[in-house]
Each structure stands twice: as structure tokens, then as C-alpha cells.
Amino acid sequence: MAPEEFSRTFLPFKGELYRIARRLLASEEAAADAVQDVYLKLWDSRDRLDAVRNPKAWSATMMRNLCIDRLRAATPPAAGNPDPETPEPETESGPTERQERALAAIRRLTPQERELVRLRLIEGCSYEEIAQRKGQSEVALRVAFHRLKNKLKRMI
């Protein structure tokens, strides 16, 4: 892939990749470093990128995987379980009380509010993607989601 084509194809996703990294990592600096590392990996593999059908999804998946790898590397193994591949036995038999309250609060939401929670928090869609799916403005969705978060906090 030529440098101009690479720039035209992959650089427009810089903001989206940063938002993914910022959501997953603890700091803005870590997110910016992750974006830079993904672009380095993409550049190093530019000869094979012509076969990629969906560059946005490809780069977003690379970002997500890189962030998960960094989170795993930063998390020390649990005490008493030196092998991170062997899972700890479950100490709780079910969800915590706070999780139960959160699920109950989500069940009391309107179907539209539950859909917004699903798209934004579970599927990790950006406001831009949700706005395109719903045919609403991005600003209106941000306001609605902010109000929804405050409503859930009060309910929990």
C-alpha cells in the first residue's frame, strides 16, 4: 500500500482509535501511546493491508487487542495463584448486591434507554455510530446518555 493510500485509508480513524484506547486504558498518555503503536503496527504491515476489506474495523480490533494486552501485562497475578492461565475458584456464587441493583435499574428503563445502554456500554459503539443508526444528532445522543447515566446513578 502506498503511503498516500495508507494516509487516506487509515488516518481518518485516529480519533475513534483514541476513544477506544481512552475508554480501555487509565490515562490520556497511555491512550495516545497506544494509538501511536497501532499506527506503527499498521505501517509495518502496510504491504498486507490491501486485502483488508474494512479498514476501520481492522484498526479498531487492533486497538482493542493492544489495549487488552497492555491491561493484562499491567495486572499482576492474584496472590496464591501464580499461574495466570489457571482461573481462581469462584468465591461468590452470583452477582454482588450492587450489580443486582444496577440490573434492576436497567430493567426499569424504557426500551429506548435500554437500547442506548446496550449500544454504548455493551457493544462499545461511538456516539457517531449510534447517531447514524438512530438517525439522531450526535449532540442529542450525548445529552441523552449523560441524563441516562445520572438517572441510573440515582436509581442504584
C-alpha atoms as a PDB file:
ATOM      1  CA  MET A   1       0.000   0.000   0.000  1.00  0.00           C
ATOM      2  CA  ALA A   2       1.404   3.382  -0.978  1.00  0.00           C
ATOM      3  CA  PRO A   3       1.968   5.998   1.743  1.00  0.00           C
ATOM      4  CA  GLU A   4      -0.717   8.291   0.295  1.00  0.00           C
ATOM      5  CA  GLU A   5      -3.252   5.492   0.233  1.00  0.00           C
ATOM      6  CA  PHE A   6      -2.296   4.467   3.769  1.00  0.00           C
ATOM      7  CA  SER A   7      -2.835   8.041   4.963  1.00  0.00           C
ATOM      8  CA  ARG A   8      -6.140   8.333   3.137  1.00  0.00           C
ATOM      9  CA  THR A   9      -7.393   4.938   4.353  1.00  0.00           C
ATOM     10  CA  PHE A  10      -6.239   4.675   7.976  1.00  0.00           C
ATOM     11  CA  LEU A  11      -5.518   8.160   9.348  1.00  0.00           C
ATOM     12  CA  PRO A  12      -9.185   9.254   9.465  1.00  0.00           C
ATOM     13  CA  PHE A  13      -9.761   6.704  12.260  1.00  0.00           C
ATOM     14  CA  LYS A  14      -7.271   8.363  14.616  1.00  0.00           C
ATOM     15  CA  GLY A  15      -9.990   9.924  16.790  1.00  0.00           C
ATOM     16  CA  GLU A  16     -12.006   6.725  17.016  1.00  0.00           C
ATOM     17  CA  LEU A  17      -8.915   4.697  17.912  1.00  0.00           C
ATOM     18  CA  TYR A  18      -8.020   7.201  20.617  1.00  0.00           C
ATOM     19  CA  ARG A  19     -11.537   6.983  22.089  1.00  0.00           C
ATOM     20  CA  ILE A  20     -11.309   3.185  22.196  1.00  0.00           C
ATOM     21  CA  ALA A  21      -7.924   3.345  23.907  1.00  0.00           C
ATOM     22  CA  ARG A  22      -9.042   6.065  26.328  1.00  0.00           C
ATOM     23  CA  ARG A  23     -12.080   4.025  27.292  1.00  0.00           C
ATOM     24  CA  LEU A  24      -9.968   0.938  27.995  1.00  0.00           C
ATOM     25  CA  LEU A  25      -6.770   2.434  29.414  1.00  0.00           C
ATOM     26  CA  ALA A  26      -6.315   4.546  32.514  1.00  0.00           C
ATOM     27  CA  SER A  27      -4.786   7.717  31.139  1.00  0.00           C
ATOM     28  CA  GLU A  28      -4.700  10.021  28.162  1.00  0.00           C
ATOM     29  CA  GLU A  29      -0.964   9.428  27.776  1.00  0.00           C
ATOM     30  CA  ALA A  30      -1.423   5.656  27.673  1.00  0.00           C
ATOM     31  CA  ALA A  31      -4.187   6.063  25.099  1.00  0.00           C
ATOM     32  CA  ALA A  32      -2.037   8.331  22.914  1.00  0.00           C
ATOM     33  CA  ASP A  33       0.850   5.840  23.138  1.00  0.00           C
ATOM     34  CA  ALA A  34      -1.477   3.010  22.161  1.00  0.00           C
ATOM     35  CA  VAL A  35      -2.716   4.920  19.106  1.00  0.00           C
ATOM     36  CA  GLN A  36       0.857   5.559  18.038  1.00  0.00           C
ATOM     37  CA  ASP A  37       1.750   1.889  18.497  1.00  0.00           C
ATOM     38  CA  VAL A  38      -1.245   0.752  16.430  1.00  0.00           C
ATOM     39  CA  TYR A  39      -0.274   3.078  13.607  1.00  0.00           C
ATOM     40  CA  LEU A  40       3.279   1.743  13.759  1.00  0.00           C
ATOM     41  CA  LYS A  41       1.973  -1.816  13.509  1.00  0.00           C
ATOM     42  CA  LEU A  42      -0.299  -0.839  10.639  1.00  0.00           C
ATOM     43  CA  TRP A  43       2.560   0.900   8.850  1.00  0.00           C
ATOM     44  CA  ASP A  44       4.851  -2.095   9.332  1.00  0.00           C
ATOM     45  CA  SER A  45       2.229  -4.372   7.801  1.00  0.00           C
ATOM     46  CA  ARG A  46       1.158  -1.952   5.022  1.00  0.00           C
ATOM     47  CA  ASP A  47       2.135  -4.451   2.335  1.00  0.00           C
ATOM     48  CA  ARG A  48      -0.623  -6.781   3.519  1.00  0.00           C
ATOM     49  CA  LEU A  49      -3.295  -4.128   4.169  1.00  0.00           C
ATOM     50  CA  ASP A  50      -4.642  -4.154   0.611  1.00  0.00           C
ATOM     51  CA  ALA A  51      -6.522  -7.341   1.477  1.00  0.00           C
ATOM     52  CA  VAL A  52      -8.354  -5.702   4.404  1.00  0.00           C
ATOM     53  CA  ARG A  53     -11.999  -5.171   3.493  1.00  0.00           C
ATOM     54  CA  ASN A  54     -12.990  -2.942   6.417  1.00  0.00           C
ATOM     55  CA  PRO A  55     -10.018  -0.800   7.495  1.00  0.00           C
ATOM     56  CA  LYS A  56     -11.945   0.879  10.324  1.00  0.00           C
ATOM     57  CA  ALA A  57     -12.936  -2.426  11.912  1.00  0.00           C
ATOM     58  CA  TRP A  58      -9.447  -3.837  11.350  1.00  0.00           C
ATOM     59  CA  SER A  59      -7.741  -0.919  13.081  1.00  0.00           C
ATOM     60  CA  ALA A  60     -10.337  -0.797  15.881  1.00  0.00           C
ATOM     61  CA  THR A  61      -9.789  -4.504  16.562  1.00  0.00           C
ATOM     62  CA  MET A  62      -6.039  -3.966  16.593  1.00  0.00           C
ATOM     63  CA  MET A  63      -6.509  -1.144  19.115  1.00  0.00           C
ATOM     64  CA  ARG A  64      -8.777  -3.181  21.331  1.00  0.00           C
ATOM     65  CA  ASN A  65      -6.397  -6.147  21.332  1.00  0.00           C
ATOM     66  CA  LEU A  66      -3.384  -3.943  22.052  1.00  0.00           C
ATOM     67  CA  CYS A  67      -5.181  -2.314  25.000  1.00  0.00           C
ATOM     68  CA  ILE A  68      -6.234  -5.685  26.395  1.00  0.00           C
ATOM     69  CA  ASP A  69      -2.662  -6.947  26.100  1.00  0.00           C
ATOM     70  CA  ARG A  70      -1.403  -3.887  27.984  1.00  0.00           C
ATOM     71  CA  LEU A  71      -4.016  -4.286  30.696  1.00  0.00           C
ATOM     72  CA  ARG A  72      -3.121  -7.948  31.129  1.00  0.00           C
ATOM     73  CA  ALA A  73       0.585  -7.138  31.293  1.00  0.00           C
ATOM     74  CA  ALA A  74      -0.028  -4.461  33.938  1.00  0.00           C
ATOM     75  CA  THR A  75      -2.184  -6.710  36.142  1.00  0.00           C
ATOM     76  CA  PRO A  76      -0.132  -8.906  38.450  1.00  0.00           C
ATOM     77  CA  PRO A  77      -1.340 -12.469  39.011  1.00  0.00           C
ATOM     78  CA  ALA A  78      -3.563 -12.943  42.049  1.00  0.00           C
ATOM     79  CA  ALA A  79      -1.835 -13.886  45.283  1.00  0.00           C
ATOM     80  CA  GLY A  80      -1.956 -17.611  45.809  1.00  0.00           C
ATOM     81  CA  ASN A  81      -2.387 -18.195  42.087  1.00  0.00           C
ATOM     82  CA  PRO A  82       0.975 -17.621  40.397  1.00  0.00           C
ATOM     83  CA  ASP A  83      -0.196 -19.097  37.094  1.00  0.00           C
ATOM     84  CA  PRO A  84      -2.421 -16.520  35.333  1.00  0.00           C
ATOM     85  CA  GLU A  85      -3.743 -19.205  32.970  1.00  0.00           C
ATOM     86  CA  THR A  86      -5.338 -21.149  35.827  1.00  0.00           C
ATOM     87  CA  PRO A  87      -8.504 -19.410  36.948  1.00  0.00           C
ATOM     88  CA  GLU A  88      -9.192 -18.771  40.610  1.00  0.00           C
ATOM     89  CA  PRO A  89     -12.126 -20.706  42.041  1.00  0.00           C
ATOM     90  CA  GLU A  90     -15.265 -18.651  42.272  1.00  0.00           C
ATOM     91  CA  THR A  91     -15.662 -17.151  45.728  1.00  0.00           C
ATOM     92  CA  GLU A  92     -19.074 -15.677  45.042  1.00  0.00           C
ATOM     93  CA  SER A  93     -21.964 -17.669  43.741  1.00  0.00           C
ATOM     94  CA  GLY A  94     -23.581 -14.817  41.856  1.00  0.00           C
ATOM     95  CA  PRO A  95     -23.705 -11.109  41.194  1.00  0.00           C
ATOM     96  CA  THR A  96     -22.983  -8.660  44.000  1.00  0.00           C
ATOM     97  CA  GLU A  97     -25.712  -6.585  45.592  1.00  0.00           C
ATOM     98  CA  ARG A  98     -24.605  -3.508  43.652  1.00  0.00           C
ATOM     99  CA  GLN A  99     -24.718  -5.454  40.378  1.00  0.00           C
ATOM    100  CA  GLU A 100     -28.211  -6.678  41.232  1.00  0.00           C
ATOM    101  CA  ARG A 101     -29.349  -3.090  41.886  1.00  0.00           C
ATOM    102  CA  ALA A 102     -27.806  -1.962  38.592  1.00  0.00           C
ATOM    103  CA  LEU A 103     -29.539  -4.735  36.641  1.00  0.00           C
ATOM    104  CA  ALA A 104     -32.845  -3.942  38.343  1.00  0.00           C
ATOM    105  CA  ALA A 105     -32.424  -0.253  37.462  1.00  0.00           C
ATOM    106  CA  ILE A 106     -31.664  -1.095  33.820  1.00  0.00           C
ATOM    107  CA  ARG A 107     -34.761  -3.299  33.659  1.00  0.00           C
ATOM    108  CA  ARG A 108     -36.867  -0.299  34.782  1.00  0.00           C
ATOM    109  CA  LEU A 109     -35.605   1.860  31.899  1.00  0.00           C
ATOM    110  CA  THR A 110     -37.663   2.493  28.801  1.00  0.00           C
ATOM    111  CA  PRO A 111     -36.878   0.312  25.776  1.00  0.00           C
ATOM    112  CA  GLN A 112     -35.160   3.277  24.064  1.00  0.00           C
ATOM    113  CA  GLU A 113     -32.971   3.888  27.127  1.00  0.00           C
ATOM    114  CA  ARG A 114     -32.059   0.198  27.370  1.00  0.00           C
ATOM    115  CA  GLU A 115     -31.117   0.236  23.682  1.00  0.00           C
ATOM    116  CA  LEU A 116     -28.824   3.225  24.263  1.00  0.00           C
ATOM    117  CA  VAL A 117     -27.169   1.428  27.220  1.00  0.00           C
ATOM    118  CA  ARG A 118     -26.699  -1.685  25.096  1.00  0.00           C
ATOM    119  CA  LEU A 119     -25.186   0.159  22.147  1.00  0.00           C
ATOM    120  CA  ARG A 120     -22.907   2.455  24.127  1.00  0.00           C
ATOM    121  CA  LEU A 121     -21.805   0.346  27.104  1.00  0.00           C
ATOM    122  CA  ILE A 122     -22.106  -3.245  25.967  1.00  0.00           C
ATOM    123  CA  GLU A 123     -21.308  -3.022  22.246  1.00  0.00           C
ATOM    124  CA  GLY A 124     -18.966  -0.040  22.721  1.00  0.00           C
ATOM    125  CA  CYS A 125     -20.370   1.953  19.812  1.00  0.00           C
ATOM    126  CA  SER A 126     -19.296   5.565  19.440  1.00  0.00           C
ATOM    127  CA  TYR A 127     -21.819   8.379  19.587  1.00  0.00           C
ATOM    128  CA  GLU A 128     -21.259   8.879  15.863  1.00  0.00           C
ATOM    129  CA  GLU A 129     -22.153   5.240  15.106  1.00  0.00           C
ATOM    130  CA  ILE A 130     -25.254   5.367  17.316  1.00  0.00           C
ATOM    131  CA  ALA A 131     -26.322   8.662  15.724  1.00  0.00           C
ATOM    132  CA  GLN A 132     -26.071   7.095  12.273  1.00  0.00           C
ATOM    133  CA  ARG A 133     -28.071   4.040  13.339  1.00  0.00           C
ATOM    134  CA  LYS A 134     -30.753   6.050  15.114  1.00  0.00           C
ATOM    135  CA  GLY A 135     -30.910   8.989  12.710  1.00  0.00           C
ATOM    136  CA  GLN A 136     -30.317  11.474  15.551  1.00  0.00           C
ATOM    137  CA  SER A 137     -27.706  14.122  16.106  1.00  0.00           C
ATOM    138  CA  GLU A 138     -24.551  13.197  17.979  1.00  0.00           C
ATOM    139  CA  VAL A 139     -25.052  16.088  20.422  1.00  0.00           C
ATOM    140  CA  ALA A 140     -28.573  14.951  21.278  1.00  0.00           C
ATOM    141  CA  LEU A 141     -27.283  11.429  21.959  1.00  0.00           C
ATOM    142  CA  ARG A 142     -24.520  12.730  24.225  1.00  0.00           C
ATOM    143  CA  VAL A 143     -27.035  14.741  26.229  1.00  0.00           C
ATOM    144  CA  ALA A 144     -29.443  11.800  26.407  1.00  0.00           C
ATOM    145  CA  PHE A 145     -26.698   9.435  27.536  1.00  0.00           C
ATOM    146  CA  HIS A 146     -25.475  11.890  30.174  1.00  0.00           C
ATOM    147  CA  ARG A 147     -29.006  12.207  31.564  1.00  0.00           C
ATOM    148  CA  LEU A 148     -29.413   8.434  31.410  1.00  0.00           C
ATOM    149  CA  LYS A 149     -26.206   7.889  33.429  1.00  0.00           C
ATOM    150  CA  ASN A 150     -27.402  10.338  36.072  1.00  0.00           C
ATOM    151  CA  LYS A 151     -30.808   8.619  36.175  1.00  0.00           C
ATOM    152  CA  LEU A 152     -29.147   5.223  36.670  1.00  0.00           C
ATOM    153  CA  LYS A 153     -26.916   6.596  39.432  1.00  0.00           C
ATOM    154  CA  ARG A 154     -29.984   7.887  41.284  1.00  0.00           C
ATOM    155  CA  MET A 155     -31.799   4.568  40.805  1.00  0.00           C
ATOM    156  CA  ILE A 156     -28.846   2.487  42.023  1.00  0.00           C
END
